[in-house]
Amino acid sequence: MTTDEVREYLKSYKIYKDRIEYIDNKVLNVHSIQYNKVIGRTSEPKTQNNYIMMKEECKKEMENIRNTINRVTTLKYRMALYYRYVDGLTEYDIADIMGMALRTIQRYEYKGIEELANILE
């Protein structure tokens, strides 16, 4: 995998997290705001079991991403990646939490992604 592919893979964690929130809202029958008028059905209605299966698939993918991050051997790189992609923090927040300069955090993130690219080849 290239570093760009690894970065996109890690970013997908947030997509799965958002998807689980959407599924939870659907199961609880919470309706989102509709900005455009939709005429007719846009998809087949889903059953509770479909939503539960979709949620489980998302959880598995999220776990795979966390396990992938855990394969990074350098703790500082792993922490930077975890904070950035799993917790969804900004680089500024990570620098504050870890007590390091912003540029250092950016370097840790880059080095961690490079290491993952080598691992995932």
Foldseek 3Di string as FASTA:
>chain_A
DDLVVLVVLLQCLVVLVVLLVVLVCVLVVNDDDDDDDDDDDPDDDDDNVVSVVSNVVSVVSNVVSLVLLVVQPDPLLSQLSCCCRVVVDDLVVSCVVVVHDSVVSVVSPSVSSVVSVVVVD
